[in-house]
Amino acid sequence: MRQAKFLHVTPSGMLVAVAKSLPGTDLLVADSRGNVIGPVIDVFGPIAEPYLLIKPQKGSSVPESGSSLFLYRRSRVGSQDDLRQTHERSFGRPGGRQKDSSLRGLGPGRGRR
């Protein structure tokens, strides 16, 4: 799973984010709570920090500028619930304690324990 940082909304309603490295293909973007925002439809710019063009799904909320986004391969995620479970396994439940210490992931801002 890779991370990106949300930058802005284009005049046509697309979302632009920047990744820390070149991502794979066929990606879905989720917010920090595991909610699907939409698919990556284009990658452009420098290879070291490529820009991602994201087509937001109907009803998805627009993230705040500078917020972290998470990239998942579509082939590994079947539904919104699957994505949320994958996200929880990696980073814990949003706003709460993790279910099991064995599921503790290395999320943003966390070091090895």
PDB file of N, CA and C in Angstrom:
ATOM      1  N   MET A   1       0.856  -1.175   0.000  1.00  0.00           N
ATOM      2  CA  MET A   1       0.000   0.000   0.000  1.00  0.00           C
ATOM      3  C   MET A   1       0.895   1.230   0.000  1.00  0.00           C
ATOM      4  N   ARG A   2       0.551   2.175  -0.811  1.00  0.00           N
ATOM      5  CA  ARG A   2       1.331   3.404  -0.914  1.00  0.00           C
ATOM      6  C   ARG A   2       0.499   4.592  -0.430  1.00  0.00           C
ATOM      7  N   GLN A   3       1.201   5.669  -0.140  1.00  0.00           N
ATOM      8  CA  GLN A   3       0.536   6.877   0.317  1.00  0.00           C
ATOM      9  C   GLN A   3       0.730   8.001  -0.687  1.00  0.00           C
ATOM     10  N   ALA A   4      -0.195   8.941  -0.633  1.00  0.00           N
ATOM     11  CA  ALA A   4      -0.109  10.150  -1.440  1.00  0.00           C
ATOM     12  C   ALA A   4      -0.643  11.305  -0.596  1.00  0.00           C
ATOM     13  N   LYS A   5      -0.372  12.522  -1.026  1.00  0.00           N
ATOM     14  CA  LYS A   5      -0.865  13.713  -0.320  1.00  0.00           C
ATOM     15  C   LYS A   5      -1.794  14.464  -1.254  1.00  0.00           C
ATOM     16  N   PHE A   6      -3.005  14.764  -0.758  1.00  0.00           N
ATOM     17  CA  PHE A   6      -3.992  15.484  -1.558  1.00  0.00           C
ATOM     18  C   PHE A   6      -3.554  16.930  -1.733  1.00  0.00           C
ATOM     19  N   LEU A   7      -3.669  17.434  -2.979  1.00  0.00           N
ATOM     20  CA  LEU A   7      -3.278  18.807  -3.267  1.00  0.00           C
ATOM     21  C   LEU A   7      -4.467  19.724  -3.505  1.00  0.00           C
ATOM     22  N   HIS A   8      -5.286  19.431  -4.544  1.00  0.00           N
ATOM     23  CA  HIS A   8      -6.402  20.325  -4.864  1.00  0.00           C
ATOM     24  C   HIS A   8      -7.410  19.666  -5.798  1.00  0.00           C
ATOM     25  N   VAL A   9      -8.520  20.380  -6.026  1.00  0.00           N
ATOM     26  CA  VAL A   9      -9.567  19.956  -6.962  1.00  0.00           C
ATOM     27  C   VAL A   9      -9.397  20.784  -8.228  1.00  0.00           C
ATOM     28  N   THR A  10      -9.456  20.128  -9.387  1.00  0.00           N
ATOM     29  CA  THR A  10      -9.339  20.845 -10.664  1.00  0.00           C
ATOM     30  C   THR A  10     -10.678  21.516 -10.994  1.00  0.00           C
ATOM     31  N   PRO A  11     -10.686  22.465 -11.935  1.00  0.00           N
ATOM     32  CA  PRO A  11     -11.952  23.085 -12.341  1.00  0.00           C
ATOM     33  C   PRO A  11     -12.974  22.072 -12.876  1.00  0.00           C
ATOM     34  N   SER A  12     -12.497  20.942 -13.412  1.00  0.00           N
ATOM     35  CA  SER A  12     -13.423  19.930 -13.936  1.00  0.00           C
ATOM     36  C   SER A  12     -13.894  18.950 -12.853  1.00  0.00           C
ATOM     37  N   GLY A  13     -13.463  19.161 -11.610  1.00  0.00           N
ATOM     38  CA  GLY A  13     -13.929  18.322 -10.507  1.00  0.00           C
ATOM     39  C   GLY A  13     -13.049  17.122 -10.180  1.00  0.00           C
ATOM     40  N   MET A  14     -11.938  16.968 -10.894  1.00  0.00           N
ATOM     41  CA  MET A  14     -11.006  15.880 -10.588  1.00  0.00           C
ATOM     42  C   MET A  14     -10.141  16.277  -9.399  1.00  0.00           C
ATOM     43  N   LEU A  15      -9.583  15.279  -8.726  1.00  0.00           N
ATOM     44  CA  LEU A  15      -8.715  15.527  -7.578  1.00  0.00           C
ATOM     45  C   LEU A  15      -7.269  15.284  -7.993  1.00  0.00           C
ATOM     46  N   VAL A  16      -6.364  16.100  -7.468  1.00  0.00           N
ATOM     47  CA  VAL A  16      -4.940  15.946  -7.760  1.00  0.00           C
ATOM     48  C   VAL A  16      -4.207  15.668  -6.459  1.00  0.00           C
ATOM     49  N   ALA A  17      -3.353  14.640  -6.494  1.00  0.00           N
ATOM     50  CA  ALA A  17      -2.539  14.284  -5.335  1.00  0.00           C
ATOM     51  C   ALA A  17      -1.119  14.038  -5.829  1.00  0.00           C
ATOM     52  N   VAL A  18      -0.160  14.044  -4.909  1.00  0.00           N
ATOM     53  CA  VAL A  18       1.225  13.746  -5.255  1.00  0.00           C
ATOM     54  C   VAL A  18       1.652  12.524  -4.444  1.00  0.00           C
ATOM     55  N   ALA A  19       2.320  11.583  -5.125  1.00  0.00           N
ATOM     56  CA  ALA A  19       2.798  10.359  -4.477  1.00  0.00           C
ATOM     57  C   ALA A  19       4.286  10.500  -4.169  1.00  0.00           C
ATOM     58  N   LYS A  20       4.761   9.699  -3.235  1.00  0.00           N
ATOM     59  CA  LYS A  20       6.171   9.743  -2.868  1.00  0.00           C
ATOM     60  C   LYS A  20       7.037   8.941  -3.836  1.00  0.00           C
ATOM     61  N   SER A  21       6.416   8.054  -4.595  1.00  0.00           N
ATOM     62  CA  SER A  21       7.128   7.276  -5.609  1.00  0.00           C
ATOM     63  C   SER A  21       6.120   6.856  -6.673  1.00  0.00           C
ATOM     64  N   LEU A  22       6.631   6.319  -7.762  1.00  0.00           N
ATOM     65  CA  LEU A  22       5.768   5.920  -8.871  1.00  0.00           C
ATOM     66  C   LEU A  22       4.879   4.749  -8.439  1.00  0.00           C
ATOM     67  N   PRO A  23       3.545   4.937  -8.439  1.00  0.00           N
ATOM     68  CA  PRO A  23       2.654   3.861  -8.019  1.00  0.00           C
ATOM     69  C   PRO A  23       2.422   2.862  -9.157  1.00  0.00           C
ATOM     70  N   GLY A  24       1.787   1.768  -8.814  1.00  0.00           N
ATOM     71  CA  GLY A  24       1.425   0.781  -9.831  1.00  0.00           C
ATOM     72  C   GLY A  24       0.237   1.272 -10.638  1.00  0.00           C
ATOM     73  N   THR A  25      -0.451   0.336 -11.273  1.00  0.00           N
ATOM     74  CA  THR A  25      -1.613   0.689 -12.088  1.00  0.00           C
ATOM     75  C   THR A  25      -2.873   0.112 -11.461  1.00  0.00           C
ATOM     76  N   ASP A  26      -4.021   0.553 -11.963  1.00  0.00           N
ATOM     77  CA  ASP A  26      -5.324   0.061 -11.515  1.00  0.00           C
ATOM     78  C   ASP A  26      -5.511   0.250 -10.012  1.00  0.00           C
ATOM     79  N   LEU A  27      -5.425   1.517  -9.573  1.00  0.00           N
ATOM     80  CA  LEU A  27      -5.461   1.835  -8.145  1.00  0.00           C
ATOM     81  C   LEU A  27      -6.758   2.504  -7.732  1.00  0.00           C
ATOM     82  N   LEU A  28      -7.167   2.232  -6.496  1.00  0.00           N
ATOM     83  CA  LEU A  28      -8.250   2.951  -5.827  1.00  0.00           C
ATOM     84  C   LEU A  28      -7.629   3.814  -4.747  1.00  0.00           C
ATOM     85  N   VAL A  29      -8.223   4.969  -4.495  1.00  0.00           N
ATOM     86  CA  VAL A  29      -7.728   5.884  -3.478  1.00  0.00           C
ATOM     87  C   VAL A  29      -8.731   5.918  -2.336  1.00  0.00           C
ATOM     88  N   ALA A  30      -8.214   5.864  -1.100  1.00  0.00           N
ATOM     89  CA  ALA A  30      -9.063   5.932   0.090  1.00  0.00           C
ATOM     90  C   ALA A  30      -8.525   7.009   1.027  1.00  0.00           C
ATOM     91  N   ASP A  31      -9.408   7.517   1.888  1.00  0.00           N
ATOM     92  CA  ASP A  31      -8.969   8.488   2.889  1.00  0.00           C
ATOM     93  C   ASP A  31      -8.436   7.753   4.122  1.00  0.00           C
ATOM     94  N   SER A  32      -8.095   8.489   5.161  1.00  0.00           N
ATOM     95  CA  SER A  32      -7.493   7.892   6.356  1.00  0.00           C
ATOM     96  C   SER A  32      -8.467   6.999   7.132  1.00  0.00           C
ATOM     97  N   ARG A  33      -9.762   7.105   6.846  1.00  0.00           N
ATOM     98  CA  ARG A  33     -10.750   6.260   7.519  1.00  0.00           C
ATOM     99  C   ARG A  33     -11.087   5.010   6.700  1.00  0.00           C
ATOM    100  N   GLY A  34     -10.465   4.881   5.523  1.00  0.00           N
ATOM    101  CA  GLY A  34     -10.708   3.724   4.679  1.00  0.00           C
ATOM    102  C   GLY A  34     -11.875   3.893   3.724  1.00  0.00           C
ATOM    103  N   ASN A  35     -12.421   5.106   3.612  1.00  0.00           N
ATOM    104  CA  ASN A  35     -13.518   5.366   2.675  1.00  0.00           C
ATOM    105  C   ASN A  35     -12.965   5.586   1.274  1.00  0.00           C
ATOM    106  N   VAL A  36     -13.538   4.887   0.302  1.00  0.00           N
ATOM    107  CA  VAL A  36     -13.075   5.023  -1.081  1.00  0.00           C
ATOM    108  C   VAL A  36     -13.412   6.413  -1.599  1.00  0.00           C
ATOM    109  N   ILE A  37     -12.414   7.055  -2.201  1.00  0.00           N
ATOM    110  CA  ILE A  37     -12.619   8.356  -2.830  1.00  0.00           C
ATOM    111  C   ILE A  37     -12.854   8.166  -4.322  1.00  0.00           C
ATOM    112  N   GLY A  38     -12.055   7.299  -4.961  1.00  0.00           N
ATOM    113  CA  GLY A  38     -12.226   7.033  -6.379  1.00  0.00           C
ATOM    114  C   GLY A  38     -10.976   6.415  -6.977  1.00  0.00           C
ATOM    115  N   PRO A  39     -11.027   6.104  -8.267  1.00  0.00           N
ATOM    116  CA  PRO A  39      -9.879   5.487  -8.937  1.00  0.00           C
ATOM    117  C   PRO A  39      -8.878   6.523  -9.451  1.00  0.00           C
ATOM    118  N   VAL A  40      -7.622   6.102  -9.564  1.00  0.00           N
ATOM    119  CA  VAL A  40      -6.594   6.910 -10.229  1.00  0.00           C
ATOM    120  C   VAL A  40      -6.796   6.712 -11.725  1.00  0.00           C
ATOM    121  N   ILE A  41      -6.988   7.819 -12.454  1.00  0.00           N
ATOM    122  CA  ILE A  41      -7.220   7.692 -13.895  1.00  0.00           C
ATOM    123  C   ILE A  41      -6.021   8.147 -14.726  1.00  0.00           C
ATOM    124  N   ASP A  42      -5.054   8.833 -14.084  1.00  0.00           N
ATOM    125  CA  ASP A  42      -3.864   9.251 -14.814  1.00  0.00           C
ATOM    126  C   ASP A  42      -2.734   9.506 -13.831  1.00  0.00           C
ATOM    127  N   VAL A  43      -1.508   9.254 -14.284  1.00  0.00           N
ATOM    128  CA  VAL A  43      -0.299   9.549 -13.522  1.00  0.00           C
ATOM    129  C   VAL A  43       0.570  10.406 -14.431  1.00  0.00           C
ATOM    130  N   PHE A  44       1.064  11.542 -13.920  1.00  0.00           N
ATOM    131  CA  PHE A  44       1.849  12.444 -14.760  1.00  0.00           C
ATOM    132  C   PHE A  44       2.875  13.178 -13.911  1.00  0.00           C
ATOM    133  N   GLY A  45       3.821  13.816 -14.576  1.00  0.00           N
ATOM    134  CA  GLY A  45       4.839  14.589 -13.873  1.00  0.00           C
ATOM    135  C   GLY A  45       6.107  13.795 -13.647  1.00  0.00           C
ATOM    136  N   PRO A  46       6.967  14.272 -12.732  1.00  0.00           N
ATOM    137  CA  PRO A  46       8.259  13.632 -12.519  1.00  0.00           C
ATOM    138  C   PRO A  46       8.123  12.240 -11.891  1.00  0.00           C
ATOM    139  N   ILE A  47       9.039  11.348 -12.243  1.00  0.00           N
ATOM    140  CA  ILE A  47       8.998   9.983 -11.726  1.00  0.00           C
ATOM    141  C   ILE A  47       9.229   9.961 -10.219  1.00  0.00           C
ATOM    142  N   ALA A  48      10.081  10.842  -9.712  1.00  0.00           N
ATOM    143  CA  ALA A  48      10.408  10.853  -8.287  1.00  0.00           C
ATOM    144  C   ALA A  48       9.196  11.197  -7.416  1.00  0.00           C
ATOM    145  N   GLU A  49       8.362  12.120  -7.860  1.00  0.00           N
ATOM    146  CA  GLU A  49       7.152  12.513  -7.125  1.00  0.00           C
ATOM    147  C   GLU A  49       6.026  12.743  -8.129  1.00  0.00           C
ATOM    148  N   PRO A  50       5.430  11.665  -8.626  1.00  0.00           N
ATOM    149  CA  PRO A  50       4.401  11.804  -9.668  1.00  0.00           C
ATOM    150  C   PRO A  50       3.080  12.347  -9.121  1.00  0.00           C
ATOM    151  N   TYR A  51       2.361  13.016  -9.983  1.00  0.00           N
ATOM    152  CA  TYR A  51       1.034  13.510  -9.653  1.00  0.00           C
ATOM    153  C   TYR A  51      -0.002  12.475 -10.080  1.00  0.00           C
ATOM    154  N   LEU A  52      -1.074  12.373  -9.304  1.00  0.00           N
ATOM    155  CA  LEU A  52      -2.149  11.428  -9.587  1.00  0.00           C
ATOM    156  C   LEU A  52      -3.417  12.215  -9.869  1.00  0.00           C
ATOM    157  N   LEU A  53      -4.121  11.843 -10.914  1.00  0.00           N
ATOM    158  CA  LEU A  53      -5.420  12.428 -11.213  1.00  0.00           C
ATOM    159  C   LEU A  53      -6.467  11.404 -10.792  1.00  0.00           C
ATOM    160  N   ILE A  54      -7.344  11.811  -9.876  1.00  0.00           N
ATOM    161  CA  ILE A  54      -8.319  10.909  -9.261  1.00  0.00           C
ATOM    162  C   ILE A  54      -9.716  11.365  -9.643  1.00  0.00           C
ATOM    163  N   LYS A  55     -10.531  10.411 -10.098  1.00  0.00           N
ATOM    164  CA  LYS A  55     -11.928  10.714 -10.425  1.00  0.00           C
ATOM    165  C   LYS A  55     -12.763  10.348  -9.202  1.00  0.00           C
ATOM    166  N   PRO A  56     -13.299  11.358  -8.493  1.00  0.00           N
ATOM    167  CA  PRO A  56     -14.061  11.047  -7.276  1.00  0.00           C
ATOM    168  C   PRO A  56     -15.370  10.317  -7.574  1.00  0.00           C
ATOM    169  N   GLN A  57     -15.695   9.347  -6.730  1.00  0.00           N
ATOM    170  CA  GLN A  57     -16.963   8.638  -6.859  1.00  0.00           C
ATOM    171  C   GLN A  57     -18.086   9.565  -6.406  1.00  0.00           C
ATOM    172  N   LYS A  58     -19.276   9.319  -6.934  1.00  0.00           N
ATOM    173  CA  LYS A  58     -20.438  10.106  -6.505  1.00  0.00           C
ATOM    174  C   LYS A  58     -20.649   9.880  -5.021  1.00  0.00           C
ATOM    175  N   GLY A  59     -20.850  10.965  -4.310  1.00  0.00           N
ATOM    176  CA  GLY A  59     -21.116  10.879  -2.872  1.00  0.00           C
ATOM    177  C   GLY A  59     -19.875  10.837  -1.999  1.00  0.00           C
ATOM    178  N   SER A  60     -18.679  10.753  -2.607  1.00  0.00           N
ATOM    179  CA  SER A  60     -17.464  10.738  -1.785  1.00  0.00           C
ATOM    180  C   SER A  60     -17.130  12.170  -1.370  1.00  0.00           C
ATOM    181  N   SER A  61     -16.539  12.295  -0.200  1.00  0.00           N
ATOM    182  CA  SER A  61     -16.196  13.629   0.298  1.00  0.00           C
ATOM    183  C   SER A  61     -14.821  14.026  -0.221  1.00  0.00           C
ATOM    184  N   VAL A  62     -14.619  15.317  -0.400  1.00  0.00           N
ATOM    185  CA  VAL A  62     -13.339  15.842  -0.853  1.00  0.00           C
ATOM    186  C   VAL A  62     -12.445  15.999   0.373  1.00  0.00           C
ATOM    187  N   PRO A  63     -11.250  15.406   0.340  1.00  0.00           N
ATOM    188  CA  PRO A  63     -10.352  15.522   1.495  1.00  0.00           C
ATOM    189  C   PRO A  63      -9.815  16.944   1.644  1.00  0.00           C
ATOM    190  N   GLU A  64      -9.286  17.244   2.828  1.00  0.00           N
ATOM    191  CA  GLU A  64      -8.680  18.550   3.063  1.00  0.00           C
ATOM    192  C   GLU A  64      -7.320  18.593   2.378  1.00  0.00           C
ATOM    193  N   SER A  65      -6.936  19.759   1.903  1.00  0.00           N
ATOM    194  CA  SER A  65      -5.647  19.917   1.254  1.00  0.00           C
ATOM    195  C   SER A  65      -4.528  19.514   2.218  1.00  0.00           C
ATOM    196  N   GLY A  66      -3.608  18.699   1.738  1.00  0.00           N
ATOM    197  CA  GLY A  66      -2.501  18.241   2.565  1.00  0.00           C
ATOM    198  C   GLY A  66      -2.756  16.945   3.307  1.00  0.00           C
ATOM    199  N   SER A  67      -3.981  16.432   3.255  1.00  0.00           N
ATOM    200  CA  SER A  67      -4.290  15.199   3.988  1.00  0.00           C
ATOM    201  C   SER A  67      -3.733  13.976   3.265  1.00  0.00           C
ATOM    202  N   SER A  68      -3.487  12.925   4.040  1.00  0.00           N
ATOM    203  CA  SER A  68      -2.935  11.681   3.491  1.00  0.00           C
ATOM    204  C   SER A  68      -4.013  10.859   2.804  1.00  0.00           C
ATOM    205  N   LEU A  69      -3.645  10.298   1.672  1.00  0.00           N
ATOM    206  CA  LEU A  69      -4.508   9.380   0.937  1.00  0.00           C
ATOM    207  C   LEU A  69      -3.768   8.054   0.813  1.00  0.00           C
ATOM    208  N   PHE A  70      -4.513   6.979   0.669  1.00  0.00           N
ATOM    209  CA  PHE A  70      -3.923   5.653   0.610  1.00  0.00           C
ATOM    210  C   PHE A  70      -4.318   4.987  -0.700  1.00  0.00           C
ATOM    211  N   LEU A  71      -3.348   4.347  -1.342  1.00  0.00           N
ATOM    212  CA  LEU A  71      -3.544   3.739  -2.659  1.00  0.00           C
ATOM    213  C   LEU A  71      -3.609   2.228  -2.514  1.00  0.00           C
ATOM    214  N   TYR A  72      -4.654   1.628  -3.064  1.00  0.00           N
ATOM    215  CA  TYR A  72      -4.860   0.181  -3.010  1.00  0.00           C
ATOM    216  C   TYR A  72      -5.039  -0.349  -4.420  1.00  0.00           C
ATOM    217  N   ARG A  73      -4.505  -1.524  -4.696  1.00  0.00           N
ATOM    218  CA  ARG A  73      -4.748  -2.160  -5.989  1.00  0.00           C
ATOM    219  C   ARG A  73      -6.178  -2.662  -6.029  1.00  0.00           C
ATOM    220  N   ARG A  74      -6.896  -2.366  -7.114  1.00  0.00           N
ATOM    221  CA  ARG A  74      -8.296  -2.780  -7.239  1.00  0.00           C
ATOM    222  C   ARG A  74      -8.445  -4.288  -7.172  1.00  0.00           C
ATOM    223  N   SER A  75      -7.471  -5.015  -7.697  1.00  0.00           N
ATOM    224  CA  SER A  75      -7.565  -6.479  -7.715  1.00  0.00           C
ATOM    225  C   SER A  75      -7.587  -7.064  -6.307  1.00  0.00           C
ATOM    226  N   ARG A  76      -7.097  -6.319  -5.317  1.00  0.00           N
ATOM    227  CA  ARG A  76      -7.081  -6.807  -3.935  1.00  0.00           C
ATOM    228  C   ARG A  76      -8.287  -6.355  -3.135  1.00  0.00           C
ATOM    229  N   VAL A  77      -9.075  -5.470  -3.707  1.00  0.00           N
ATOM    230  CA  VAL A  77     -10.213  -4.898  -2.983  1.00  0.00           C
ATOM    231  C   VAL A  77     -11.474  -5.160  -3.784  1.00  0.00           C
ATOM    232  N   GLY A  78     -12.417  -5.894  -3.191  1.00  0.00           N
ATOM    233  CA  GLY A  78     -13.646  -6.200  -3.895  1.00  0.00           C
ATOM    234  C   GLY A  78     -14.745  -5.187  -3.658  1.00  0.00           C
ATOM    235  N   SER A  79     -14.836  -4.679  -2.434  1.00  0.00           N
ATOM    236  CA  SER A  79     -15.922  -3.762  -2.090  1.00  0.00           C
ATOM    237  C   SER A  79     -15.427  -2.731  -1.090  1.00  0.00           C
ATOM    238  N   GLN A  80     -16.280  -1.774  -0.772  1.00  0.00           N
ATOM    239  CA  GLN A  80     -15.954  -0.748   0.228  1.00  0.00           C
ATOM    240  C   GLN A  80     -15.621  -1.414   1.564  1.00  0.00           C
ATOM    241  N   ASP A  81     -16.369  -2.449   1.960  1.00  0.00           N
ATOM    242  CA  ASP A  81     -16.104  -3.139   3.222  1.00  0.00           C
ATOM    243  C   ASP A  81     -14.753  -3.840   3.196  1.00  0.00           C
ATOM    244  N   ASP A  82     -14.399  -4.459   2.063  1.00  0.00           N
ATOM    245  CA  ASP A  82     -13.095  -5.111   1.940  1.00  0.00           C
ATOM    246  C   ASP A  82     -11.976  -4.096   2.106  1.00  0.00           C
ATOM    247  N   LEU A  83     -12.120  -2.928   1.471  1.00  0.00           N
ATOM    248  CA  LEU A  83     -11.100  -1.902   1.567  1.00  0.00           C
ATOM    249  C   LEU A  83     -10.975  -1.413   3.002  1.00  0.00           C
ATOM    250  N   ARG A  84     -12.096  -1.195   3.659  1.00  0.00           N
ATOM    251  CA  ARG A  84     -12.058  -0.716   5.043  1.00  0.00           C
ATOM    252  C   ARG A  84     -11.374  -1.742   5.951  1.00  0.00           C
ATOM    253  N   GLN A  85     -11.650  -3.036   5.745  1.00  0.00           N
ATOM    254  CA  GLN A  85     -11.008  -4.079   6.552  1.00  0.00           C
ATOM    255  C   GLN A  85      -9.512  -4.125   6.284  1.00  0.00           C
ATOM    256  N   THR A  86      -9.108  -3.989   5.026  1.00  0.00           N
ATOM    257  CA  THR A  86      -7.686  -3.960   4.688  1.00  0.00           C
ATOM    258  C   THR A  86      -7.012  -2.778   5.361  1.00  0.00           C
ATOM    259  N   HIS A  87      -7.667  -1.618   5.324  1.00  0.00           N
ATOM    260  CA  HIS A  87      -7.126  -0.407   5.937  1.00  0.00           C
ATOM    261  C   HIS A  87      -7.010  -0.593   7.453  1.00  0.00           C
ATOM    262  N   GLU A  88      -8.019  -1.177   8.088  1.00  0.00           N
ATOM    263  CA  GLU A  88      -7.988  -1.398   9.534  1.00  0.00           C
ATOM    264  C   GLU A  88      -6.877  -2.364   9.921  1.00  0.00           C
ATOM    265  N   ARG A  89      -6.649  -3.395   9.104  1.00  0.00           N
ATOM    266  CA  ARG A  89      -5.558  -4.333   9.402  1.00  0.00           C
ATOM    267  C   ARG A  89      -4.215  -3.621   9.361  1.00  0.00           C
ATOM    268  N   SER A  90      -4.068  -2.655   8.467  1.00  0.00           N
ATOM    269  CA  SER A  90      -2.802  -1.948   8.324  1.00  0.00           C
ATOM    270  C   SER A  90      -2.614  -0.842   9.348  1.00  0.00           C
ATOM    271  N   PHE A  91      -3.678  -0.103   9.649  1.00  0.00           N
ATOM    272  CA  PHE A  91      -3.540   1.091  10.470  1.00  0.00           C
ATOM    273  C   PHE A  91      -4.410   1.118  11.718  1.00  0.00           C
ATOM    274  N   GLY A  92      -5.217   0.101  11.959  1.00  0.00           N
ATOM    275  CA  GLY A  92      -6.109   0.103  13.115  1.00  0.00           C
ATOM    276  C   GLY A  92      -7.431   0.758  12.792  1.00  0.00           C
ATOM    277  N   ARG A  93      -8.384   0.619  13.706  1.00  0.00           N
ATOM    278  CA  ARG A  93      -9.701   1.214  13.498  1.00  0.00           C
ATOM    279  C   ARG A  93      -9.616   2.724  13.662  1.00  0.00           C
ATOM    280  N   PRO A  94     -10.275   3.502  12.792  1.00  0.00           N
ATOM    281  CA  PRO A  94     -10.237   4.953  12.910  1.00  0.00           C
ATOM    282  C   PRO A  94     -10.911   5.410  14.192  1.00  0.00           C
ATOM    283  N   GLY A  95     -10.230   6.271  14.924  1.00  0.00           N
ATOM    284  CA  GLY A  95     -10.822   6.863  16.119  1.00  0.00           C
ATOM    285  C   GLY A  95     -10.966   5.917  17.285  1.00  0.00           C
ATOM    286  N   GLY A  96     -10.349   4.775  17.237  1.00  0.00           N
ATOM    287  CA  GLY A  96     -10.492   3.827  18.334  1.00  0.00           C
ATOM    288  C   GLY A  96      -9.271   2.960  18.499  1.00  0.00           C
ATOM    289  N   ARG A  97      -9.332   2.106  19.497  1.00  0.00           N
ATOM    290  CA  ARG A  97      -8.228   1.186  19.742  1.00  0.00           C
ATOM    291  C   ARG A  97      -8.302   0.032  18.764  1.00  0.00           C
ATOM    292  N   GLN A  98      -7.177  -0.569  18.531  1.00  0.00           N
ATOM    293  CA  GLN A  98      -7.145  -1.708  17.630  1.00  0.00           C
ATOM    294  C   GLN A  98      -7.756  -2.917  18.313  1.00  0.00           C
ATOM    295  N   LYS A  99      -8.312  -3.815  17.508  1.00  0.00           N
ATOM    296  CA  LYS A  99      -8.967  -5.001  18.035  1.00  0.00           C
ATOM    297  C   LYS A  99      -7.971  -5.958  18.671  1.00  0.00           C
ATOM    298  N   ASP A 100      -6.797  -6.084  18.080  1.00  0.00           N
ATOM    299  CA  ASP A 100      -5.833  -7.082  18.523  1.00  0.00           C
ATOM    300  C   ASP A 100      -4.437  -6.526  18.294  1.00  0.00           C
ATOM    301  N   SER A 101      -3.581  -6.645  19.290  1.00  0.00           N
ATOM    302  CA  SER A 101      -2.251  -6.078  19.153  1.00  0.00           C
ATOM    303  C   SER A 101      -1.458  -6.744  18.034  1.00  0.00           C
ATOM    304  N   SER A 102      -1.809  -7.972  17.664  1.00  0.00           N
ATOM    305  CA  SER A 102      -1.099  -8.640  16.577  1.00  0.00           C
ATOM    306  C   SER A 102      -1.397  -7.995  15.226  1.00  0.00           C
ATOM    307  N   LEU A 103      -2.441  -7.167  15.152  1.00  0.00           N
ATOM    308  CA  LEU A 103      -2.810  -6.496  13.911  1.00  0.00           C
ATOM    309  C   LEU A 103      -2.179  -5.114  13.795  1.00  0.00           C
ATOM    310  N   ARG A 104      -1.356  -4.744  14.751  1.00  0.00           N
ATOM    311  CA  ARG A 104      -0.773  -3.406  14.774  1.00  0.00           C
ATOM    312  C   ARG A 104       0.116  -3.219  13.554  1.00  0.00           C
ATOM    313  N   GLY A 105      -0.195  -2.230  12.743  1.00  0.00           N
ATOM    314  CA  GLY A 105       0.580  -1.956  11.534  1.00  0.00           C
ATOM    315  C   GLY A 105       1.499  -0.787  11.744  1.00  0.00           C
ATOM    316  N   LEU A 106       2.317  -0.540  10.794  1.00  0.00           N
ATOM    317  CA  LEU A 106       3.182   0.630  10.831  1.00  0.00           C
ATOM    318  C   LEU A 106       2.522   1.712  10.006  1.00  0.00           C
ATOM    319  N   GLY A 107       1.665   2.474  10.627  1.00  0.00           N
ATOM    320  CA  GLY A 107       0.931   3.518   9.939  1.00  0.00           C
ATOM    321  C   GLY A 107       1.708   4.814   9.938  1.00  0.00           C
ATOM    322  N   PRO A 108       1.110   5.862   9.400  1.00  0.00           N
ATOM    323  CA  PRO A 108       1.769   7.152   9.331  1.00  0.00           C
ATOM    324  C   PRO A 108       2.160   7.643  10.725  1.00  0.00           C
ATOM    325  N   GLY A 109       3.396   8.051  10.879  1.00  0.00           N
ATOM    326  CA  GLY A 109       3.848   8.620  12.145  1.00  0.00           C
ATOM    327  C   GLY A 109       4.170   7.585  13.197  1.00  0.00           C
ATOM    328  N   ARG A 110       4.164   6.314  12.845  1.00  0.00           N
ATOM    329  CA  ARG A 110       4.466   5.283  13.829  1.00  0.00           C
ATOM    330  C   ARG A 110       5.804   4.661  13.495  1.00  0.00           C
ATOM    331  N   GLY A 111       6.593   4.411  14.508  1.00  0.00           N
ATOM    332  CA  GLY A 111       7.872   3.746  14.294  1.00  0.00           C
ATOM    333  C   GLY A 111       7.744   2.274  14.630  1.00  0.00           C
ATOM    334  N   ARG A 112       8.823   1.545  14.455  1.00  0.00           N
ATOM    335  CA  ARG A 112       8.811   0.123  14.814  1.00  0.00           C
ATOM    336  C   ARG A 112       8.728  -0.008  16.326  1.00  0.00           C
ATOM    337  N   ARG A 113       8.035  -1.028  16.755  1.00  0.00           N
ATOM    338  CA  ARG A 113       7.877  -1.253  18.195  1.00  0.00           C
ATOM    339  C   ARG A 113       8.572  -2.510  18.611  1.00  0.00           C
TER     340      ARG A 113
END
